[in-house]
N, C-alpha and C. Protein backbone atom coordinates (compact mmCIF):
# COMPACT_ATOMS: atom_id res chain seq x y z
N MET A 1 -11.13 22.74 0.01
CA MET A 1 -11.09 21.92 1.20
C MET A 1 -9.87 22.30 2.03
N GLN A 2 -10.01 22.29 3.33
CA GLN A 2 -8.92 22.70 4.20
C GLN A 2 -7.82 21.63 4.23
N LYS A 3 -6.60 22.12 4.40
CA LYS A 3 -5.43 21.25 4.43
C LYS A 3 -5.57 20.16 5.50
N ASP A 4 -5.97 20.54 6.71
CA ASP A 4 -6.10 19.55 7.79
C ASP A 4 -7.10 18.46 7.44
N THR A 5 -8.18 18.83 6.78
CA THR A 5 -9.19 17.86 6.37
C THR A 5 -8.62 16.90 5.34
N CYS A 6 -7.90 17.42 4.36
CA CYS A 6 -7.28 16.57 3.34
C CYS A 6 -6.28 15.61 3.96
N VAL A 7 -5.44 16.11 4.85
CA VAL A 7 -4.45 15.26 5.50
C VAL A 7 -5.15 14.14 6.28
N ALA A 8 -6.20 14.48 7.00
CA ALA A 8 -6.95 13.47 7.77
C ALA A 8 -7.56 12.43 6.84
N GLN A 9 -8.08 12.85 5.70
CA GLN A 9 -8.67 11.92 4.74
C GLN A 9 -7.62 10.98 4.15
N VAL A 10 -6.45 11.52 3.84
CA VAL A 10 -5.37 10.69 3.30
C VAL A 10 -4.89 9.70 4.35
N LEU A 11 -4.73 10.15 5.58
CA LEU A 11 -4.32 9.24 6.66
C LEU A 11 -5.34 8.12 6.84
N GLU A 12 -6.62 8.43 6.72
CA GLU A 12 -7.65 7.41 6.85
C GLU A 12 -7.60 6.45 5.66
N ALA A 13 -7.41 6.96 4.45
CA ALA A 13 -7.29 6.09 3.28
C ALA A 13 -6.10 5.15 3.43
N ALA A 14 -4.99 5.67 3.93
CA ALA A 14 -3.80 4.84 4.14
C ALA A 14 -4.06 3.80 5.23
N ARG A 15 -4.75 4.20 6.30
CA ARG A 15 -5.07 3.26 7.38
C ARG A 15 -5.91 2.10 6.86
N VAL A 16 -6.92 2.44 6.06
CA VAL A 16 -7.80 1.41 5.49
C VAL A 16 -7.00 0.46 4.58
N LEU A 17 -6.13 1.02 3.76
CA LEU A 17 -5.30 0.21 2.86
C LEU A 17 -4.40 -0.74 3.65
N VAL A 18 -3.70 -0.21 4.65
CA VAL A 18 -2.78 -1.03 5.44
C VAL A 18 -3.55 -2.09 6.23
N ALA A 19 -4.71 -1.73 6.77
CA ALA A 19 -5.51 -2.71 7.52
C ALA A 19 -5.98 -3.85 6.63
N ALA A 20 -6.38 -3.53 5.40
CA ALA A 20 -6.80 -4.58 4.46
C ALA A 20 -5.62 -5.49 4.13
N PHE A 21 -4.45 -4.90 3.90
CA PHE A 21 -3.24 -5.69 3.65
C PHE A 21 -2.96 -6.59 4.85
N ALA A 22 -3.06 -6.04 6.06
CA ALA A 22 -2.75 -6.80 7.28
C ALA A 22 -3.69 -7.99 7.47
N ARG A 23 -4.89 -7.93 6.90
CA ARG A 23 -5.85 -9.04 6.99
C ARG A 23 -5.75 -9.98 5.78
N THR A 24 -4.86 -9.69 4.85
CA THR A 24 -4.79 -10.39 3.57
C THR A 24 -6.17 -10.37 2.91
N ASP A 25 -6.84 -9.23 2.97
CA ASP A 25 -8.18 -9.05 2.43
C ASP A 25 -8.04 -8.54 0.99
N THR A 26 -8.00 -9.46 0.06
CA THR A 26 -7.73 -9.13 -1.34
C THR A 26 -8.67 -8.07 -1.88
N GLU A 27 -9.97 -8.25 -1.68
CA GLU A 27 -10.95 -7.32 -2.26
C GLU A 27 -10.79 -5.92 -1.70
N ALA A 28 -10.73 -5.80 -0.38
CA ALA A 28 -10.61 -4.47 0.25
C ALA A 28 -9.27 -3.83 -0.09
N TYR A 29 -8.21 -4.63 -0.13
CA TYR A 29 -6.88 -4.10 -0.43
C TYR A 29 -6.84 -3.51 -1.83
N PHE A 30 -7.27 -4.26 -2.82
CA PHE A 30 -7.18 -3.76 -4.19
C PHE A 30 -8.21 -2.67 -4.47
N ALA A 31 -9.28 -2.61 -3.69
CA ALA A 31 -10.26 -1.52 -3.84
C ALA A 31 -9.66 -0.18 -3.43
N ALA A 32 -8.55 -0.19 -2.69
CA ALA A 32 -7.90 1.04 -2.24
C ALA A 32 -7.02 1.66 -3.33
N PHE A 33 -6.85 0.96 -4.47
CA PHE A 33 -6.00 1.42 -5.56
C PHE A 33 -6.83 1.76 -6.80
N SER A 34 -6.39 2.76 -7.54
CA SER A 34 -7.01 3.05 -8.83
C SER A 34 -6.61 1.97 -9.83
N GLU A 35 -7.39 1.82 -10.88
CA GLU A 35 -7.07 0.82 -11.91
C GLU A 35 -5.72 1.09 -12.56
N ASP A 36 -5.35 2.37 -12.67
CA ASP A 36 -4.09 2.73 -13.33
C ASP A 36 -2.91 2.86 -12.36
N ALA A 37 -3.07 2.36 -11.15
CA ALA A 37 -1.99 2.42 -10.16
C ALA A 37 -0.77 1.65 -10.65
N SER A 38 0.40 2.09 -10.19
CA SER A 38 1.66 1.40 -10.50
C SER A 38 2.35 1.05 -9.19
N PHE A 39 3.21 0.04 -9.27
CA PHE A 39 3.82 -0.52 -8.06
C PHE A 39 5.28 -0.86 -8.33
N ILE A 40 6.14 -0.44 -7.41
CA ILE A 40 7.56 -0.80 -7.48
C ILE A 40 7.94 -1.39 -6.12
N PHE A 41 8.31 -2.66 -6.15
CA PHE A 41 8.69 -3.38 -4.94
C PHE A 41 10.13 -3.86 -5.09
N HIS A 42 10.93 -3.63 -4.06
CA HIS A 42 12.32 -4.09 -4.12
C HIS A 42 12.42 -5.61 -4.17
N THR A 43 11.34 -6.30 -3.85
CA THR A 43 11.33 -7.76 -3.85
C THR A 43 10.82 -8.35 -5.16
N TRP A 44 10.47 -7.49 -6.13
CA TRP A 44 9.92 -7.98 -7.39
C TRP A 44 10.79 -7.47 -8.54
N PRO A 45 11.05 -8.29 -9.56
CA PRO A 45 12.06 -7.94 -10.57
C PRO A 45 11.71 -6.78 -11.50
N GLN A 46 10.44 -6.45 -11.66
CA GLN A 46 10.09 -5.34 -12.54
C GLN A 46 8.88 -4.59 -11.99
N PRO A 47 8.70 -3.35 -12.42
CA PRO A 47 7.52 -2.60 -12.00
C PRO A 47 6.24 -3.29 -12.46
N LEU A 48 5.21 -3.17 -11.66
CA LEU A 48 3.88 -3.65 -12.01
C LEU A 48 3.09 -2.40 -12.36
N LEU A 49 2.65 -2.29 -13.60
CA LEU A 49 2.17 -1.02 -14.13
C LEU A 49 0.65 -0.87 -14.16
N SER A 50 -0.04 -1.73 -13.43
CA SER A 50 -1.49 -1.58 -13.27
C SER A 50 -1.93 -2.37 -12.04
N ARG A 51 -3.11 -2.02 -11.55
CA ARG A 51 -3.68 -2.77 -10.43
C ARG A 51 -3.88 -4.22 -10.84
N ALA A 52 -4.34 -4.46 -12.07
CA ALA A 52 -4.58 -5.82 -12.54
C ALA A 52 -3.28 -6.63 -12.57
N ALA A 53 -2.18 -6.01 -12.98
CA ALA A 53 -0.90 -6.72 -13.02
C ALA A 53 -0.46 -7.13 -11.61
N TYR A 54 -0.61 -6.22 -10.64
CA TYR A 54 -0.24 -6.56 -9.26
C TYR A 54 -1.18 -7.62 -8.72
N ARG A 55 -2.47 -7.50 -8.98
CA ARG A 55 -3.42 -8.48 -8.45
C ARG A 55 -3.11 -9.87 -8.99
N GLU A 56 -2.70 -9.97 -10.24
CA GLU A 56 -2.33 -11.27 -10.79
C GLU A 56 -1.15 -11.88 -10.03
N VAL A 57 -0.15 -11.06 -9.72
CA VAL A 57 0.99 -11.53 -8.93
C VAL A 57 0.54 -11.94 -7.53
N TRP A 58 -0.26 -11.09 -6.88
CA TRP A 58 -0.79 -11.35 -5.53
C TRP A 58 -1.54 -12.68 -5.49
N GLU A 59 -2.43 -12.89 -6.46
CA GLU A 59 -3.22 -14.12 -6.47
C GLU A 59 -2.34 -15.34 -6.71
N GLY A 60 -1.26 -15.17 -7.47
CA GLY A 60 -0.29 -16.25 -7.61
C GLY A 60 0.40 -16.58 -6.30
N TRP A 61 0.74 -15.54 -5.54
CA TRP A 61 1.34 -15.77 -4.22
C TRP A 61 0.37 -16.55 -3.32
N LEU A 62 -0.88 -16.14 -3.33
CA LEU A 62 -1.89 -16.82 -2.50
C LEU A 62 -2.01 -18.29 -2.92
N ARG A 63 -2.16 -18.51 -4.21
CA ARG A 63 -2.42 -19.84 -4.75
C ARG A 63 -1.18 -20.75 -4.65
N ASP A 64 -0.04 -20.24 -5.05
CA ASP A 64 1.15 -21.08 -5.20
C ASP A 64 2.05 -21.12 -3.97
N ASP A 65 2.02 -20.07 -3.17
CA ASP A 65 2.97 -19.97 -2.06
C ASP A 65 2.31 -19.96 -0.68
N GLY A 66 0.98 -20.01 -0.63
CA GLY A 66 0.31 -19.94 0.67
C GLY A 66 0.56 -18.61 1.37
N PHE A 67 0.72 -17.55 0.56
CA PHE A 67 1.00 -16.21 1.07
C PHE A 67 -0.08 -15.77 2.05
N GLU A 68 0.36 -15.26 3.20
CA GLU A 68 -0.56 -14.72 4.20
C GLU A 68 0.15 -13.64 4.99
N VAL A 69 -0.51 -12.50 5.15
CA VAL A 69 0.01 -11.45 6.00
C VAL A 69 -0.47 -11.75 7.42
N LEU A 70 0.46 -11.86 8.33
CA LEU A 70 0.12 -12.18 9.72
C LEU A 70 0.00 -10.92 10.57
N GLU A 71 0.76 -9.90 10.19
CA GLU A 71 0.75 -8.64 10.95
C GLU A 71 1.41 -7.57 10.09
N CYS A 72 0.90 -6.35 10.20
CA CYS A 72 1.50 -5.22 9.48
C CYS A 72 1.31 -3.98 10.34
N GLN A 73 2.42 -3.38 10.74
CA GLN A 73 2.36 -2.19 11.59
C GLN A 73 3.01 -1.01 10.88
N SER A 74 2.26 0.08 10.85
CA SER A 74 2.71 1.31 10.21
C SER A 74 3.14 2.30 11.30
N SER A 75 4.25 3.00 11.04
CA SER A 75 4.71 4.02 11.99
C SER A 75 5.40 5.14 11.21
N ASN A 76 5.67 6.22 11.91
CA ASN A 76 6.35 7.37 11.30
C ASN A 76 5.64 7.87 10.05
N THR A 77 4.33 8.00 10.14
CA THR A 77 3.55 8.43 8.99
C THR A 77 3.73 9.92 8.72
N PHE A 78 3.66 10.28 7.43
CA PHE A 78 3.77 11.67 7.02
C PHE A 78 2.97 11.85 5.74
N VAL A 79 2.26 12.96 5.63
CA VAL A 79 1.50 13.29 4.43
C VAL A 79 1.98 14.62 3.90
N SER A 80 2.30 14.65 2.61
CA SER A 80 2.67 15.87 1.91
C SER A 80 1.63 16.11 0.82
N LEU A 81 0.85 17.18 0.96
CA LEU A 81 -0.15 17.51 -0.05
C LEU A 81 0.54 18.19 -1.23
N GLN A 82 0.15 17.80 -2.43
CA GLN A 82 0.67 18.37 -3.67
C GLN A 82 -0.52 18.95 -4.43
N GLY A 83 -0.91 20.14 -4.05
CA GLY A 83 -2.14 20.72 -4.59
C GLY A 83 -3.33 20.18 -3.83
N GLU A 84 -4.49 20.21 -4.48
CA GLU A 84 -5.72 19.79 -3.80
C GLU A 84 -6.09 18.33 -4.06
N ASP A 85 -5.49 17.70 -5.06
CA ASP A 85 -5.94 16.37 -5.45
C ASP A 85 -4.88 15.28 -5.41
N VAL A 86 -3.66 15.62 -4.99
CA VAL A 86 -2.58 14.63 -4.91
C VAL A 86 -1.91 14.74 -3.55
N ALA A 87 -1.61 13.59 -2.97
CA ALA A 87 -0.92 13.56 -1.68
C ALA A 87 0.10 12.43 -1.68
N ILE A 88 1.22 12.68 -1.04
CA ILE A 88 2.27 11.67 -0.89
C ILE A 88 2.27 11.25 0.58
N PHE A 89 2.04 9.97 0.79
CA PHE A 89 2.03 9.38 2.13
C PHE A 89 3.28 8.53 2.27
N THR A 90 4.03 8.74 3.34
CA THR A 90 5.20 7.90 3.62
C THR A 90 5.08 7.33 5.02
N HIS A 91 5.65 6.15 5.19
CA HIS A 91 5.67 5.52 6.51
C HIS A 91 6.71 4.42 6.55
N ASP A 92 7.01 3.99 7.76
CA ASP A 92 7.81 2.79 7.99
C ASP A 92 6.82 1.67 8.23
N VAL A 93 7.14 0.49 7.74
CA VAL A 93 6.21 -0.62 7.87
C VAL A 93 6.97 -1.87 8.30
N ALA A 94 6.44 -2.53 9.32
CA ALA A 94 6.97 -3.81 9.79
C ALA A 94 5.92 -4.86 9.46
N THR A 95 6.32 -5.86 8.68
CA THR A 95 5.36 -6.84 8.19
C THR A 95 5.84 -8.24 8.52
N ARG A 96 4.93 -9.01 9.08
CA ARG A 96 5.19 -10.43 9.34
C ARG A 96 4.34 -11.22 8.36
N LEU A 97 5.00 -12.06 7.54
CA LEU A 97 4.34 -12.84 6.50
C LEU A 97 4.56 -14.33 6.71
N ARG A 98 3.66 -15.11 6.11
CA ARG A 98 3.89 -16.55 5.98
C ARG A 98 3.89 -16.85 4.49
N ILE A 99 4.99 -17.43 4.02
CA ILE A 99 5.12 -17.83 2.63
C ILE A 99 5.69 -19.24 2.60
N GLN A 100 5.01 -20.14 1.93
CA GLN A 100 5.40 -21.55 1.86
C GLN A 100 5.65 -22.13 3.25
N GLY A 101 4.79 -21.75 4.19
CA GLY A 101 4.86 -22.29 5.55
C GLY A 101 5.90 -21.64 6.45
N GLU A 102 6.73 -20.76 5.91
CA GLU A 102 7.78 -20.10 6.68
C GLU A 102 7.37 -18.67 7.01
N GLU A 103 7.59 -18.29 8.26
CA GLU A 103 7.31 -16.91 8.66
C GLU A 103 8.54 -16.05 8.48
N SER A 104 8.30 -14.79 8.10
CA SER A 104 9.40 -13.83 7.97
C SER A 104 8.92 -12.47 8.46
N LEU A 105 9.87 -11.66 8.88
CA LEU A 105 9.58 -10.30 9.33
C LEU A 105 10.43 -9.35 8.50
N SER A 106 9.79 -8.34 7.95
CA SER A 106 10.53 -7.35 7.17
C SER A 106 10.28 -5.96 7.72
N HIS A 107 11.29 -5.12 7.57
CA HIS A 107 11.19 -3.70 7.93
C HIS A 107 11.47 -2.91 6.66
N GLU A 108 10.48 -2.11 6.26
CA GLU A 108 10.59 -1.41 4.99
C GLU A 108 10.10 0.02 5.14
N ARG A 109 10.42 0.81 4.12
CA ARG A 109 9.87 2.16 3.99
C ARG A 109 8.98 2.14 2.76
N GLU A 110 7.88 2.86 2.87
CA GLU A 110 6.94 2.85 1.76
C GLU A 110 6.45 4.26 1.47
N THR A 111 6.31 4.53 0.19
CA THR A 111 5.70 5.76 -0.29
C THR A 111 4.47 5.36 -1.09
N ILE A 112 3.35 5.98 -0.77
CA ILE A 112 2.11 5.76 -1.52
C ILE A 112 1.61 7.12 -1.97
N VAL A 113 1.39 7.26 -3.26
CA VAL A 113 0.84 8.49 -3.81
C VAL A 113 -0.67 8.28 -3.94
N PHE A 114 -1.42 9.21 -3.37
CA PHE A 114 -2.88 9.17 -3.43
C PHE A 114 -3.39 10.30 -4.33
N ARG A 115 -4.50 10.01 -5.00
CA ARG A 115 -5.18 11.01 -5.82
C ARG A 115 -6.63 11.07 -5.37
N ARG A 116 -7.13 12.29 -5.19
CA ARG A 116 -8.53 12.43 -4.82
C ARG A 116 -9.38 12.13 -6.05
N GLU A 117 -10.34 11.25 -5.88
CA GLU A 117 -11.25 10.86 -6.95
C GLU A 117 -12.62 11.46 -6.66
N PRO A 118 -12.89 12.64 -7.22
CA PRO A 118 -14.14 13.33 -6.89
C PRO A 118 -15.39 12.52 -7.21
N GLN A 119 -15.37 11.76 -8.31
CA GLN A 119 -16.54 10.98 -8.67
C GLN A 119 -16.81 9.86 -7.66
N GLN A 120 -15.77 9.41 -6.96
CA GLN A 120 -15.94 8.37 -5.94
C GLN A 120 -15.96 8.97 -4.54
N GLY A 121 -15.61 10.24 -4.44
CA GLY A 121 -15.63 10.91 -3.14
C GLY A 121 -14.60 10.41 -2.16
N ARG A 122 -13.46 9.92 -2.68
CA ARG A 122 -12.43 9.42 -1.77
C ARG A 122 -11.05 9.49 -2.42
N TRP A 123 -10.06 9.22 -1.61
CA TRP A 123 -8.67 9.18 -2.06
C TRP A 123 -8.33 7.74 -2.42
N LEU A 124 -7.75 7.54 -3.60
CA LEU A 124 -7.28 6.23 -4.01
C LEU A 124 -5.77 6.27 -4.22
N ALA A 125 -5.13 5.16 -3.93
CA ALA A 125 -3.68 5.05 -4.16
C ALA A 125 -3.44 4.88 -5.66
N VAL A 126 -2.48 5.65 -6.18
CA VAL A 126 -2.15 5.57 -7.61
C VAL A 126 -0.72 5.09 -7.85
N HIS A 127 0.10 5.08 -6.81
CA HIS A 127 1.46 4.57 -6.93
C HIS A 127 1.94 4.13 -5.56
N GLU A 128 2.63 2.99 -5.54
CA GLU A 128 3.22 2.48 -4.31
C GLU A 128 4.66 2.10 -4.60
N HIS A 129 5.56 2.53 -3.72
CA HIS A 129 6.98 2.20 -3.86
C HIS A 129 7.46 1.70 -2.50
N LEU A 130 7.98 0.49 -2.50
CA LEU A 130 8.44 -0.15 -1.27
C LEU A 130 9.94 -0.36 -1.35
N SER A 131 10.65 0.04 -0.29
CA SER A 131 12.10 -0.09 -0.23
C SER A 131 12.50 -0.71 1.10
N PRO A 132 13.62 -1.41 1.15
CA PRO A 132 14.08 -1.93 2.45
C PRO A 132 14.46 -0.76 3.35
N ALA A 133 14.17 -0.90 4.63
CA ALA A 133 14.59 0.12 5.60
C ALA A 133 16.07 -0.07 5.89
N PRO A 134 16.79 1.01 6.11
CA PRO A 134 18.20 0.86 6.46
C PRO A 134 18.35 0.15 7.81
N ALA A 135 19.44 -0.55 7.96
CA ALA A 135 19.71 -1.23 9.23
C ALA A 135 19.85 -0.18 10.34
N PRO A 136 19.33 -0.53 11.53
CA PRO A 136 19.41 0.45 12.65
C PRO A 136 20.84 0.73 13.09
């Protein structure tokens, strides 16, 4: 497969993932990750080492904290292909959330590693790492 085609596919997979997050669409969001995906968030005390582990935390936020994504904007996107089946996607993300009735805005940097899943015919996220963006 040509490099430009792979990059376009990864960018589309990332767009779909971010759009699902921006809608607080639990099903579509978690469908963008492989079952063995891992997650490291600067806002969470330990790594989440599976999609199921993260989903359990997410559903707790929804249930207990009234968690809702109000807006999520991605910018400064970049894709680095690592062979034919792995890609590293990076971007800056500005997210407006509502938690326990309070709105907040965060500016972060995110790295998402995607793996091409030939049996599913698409790219799935296998690792996500979120860090605070440096102050301007």
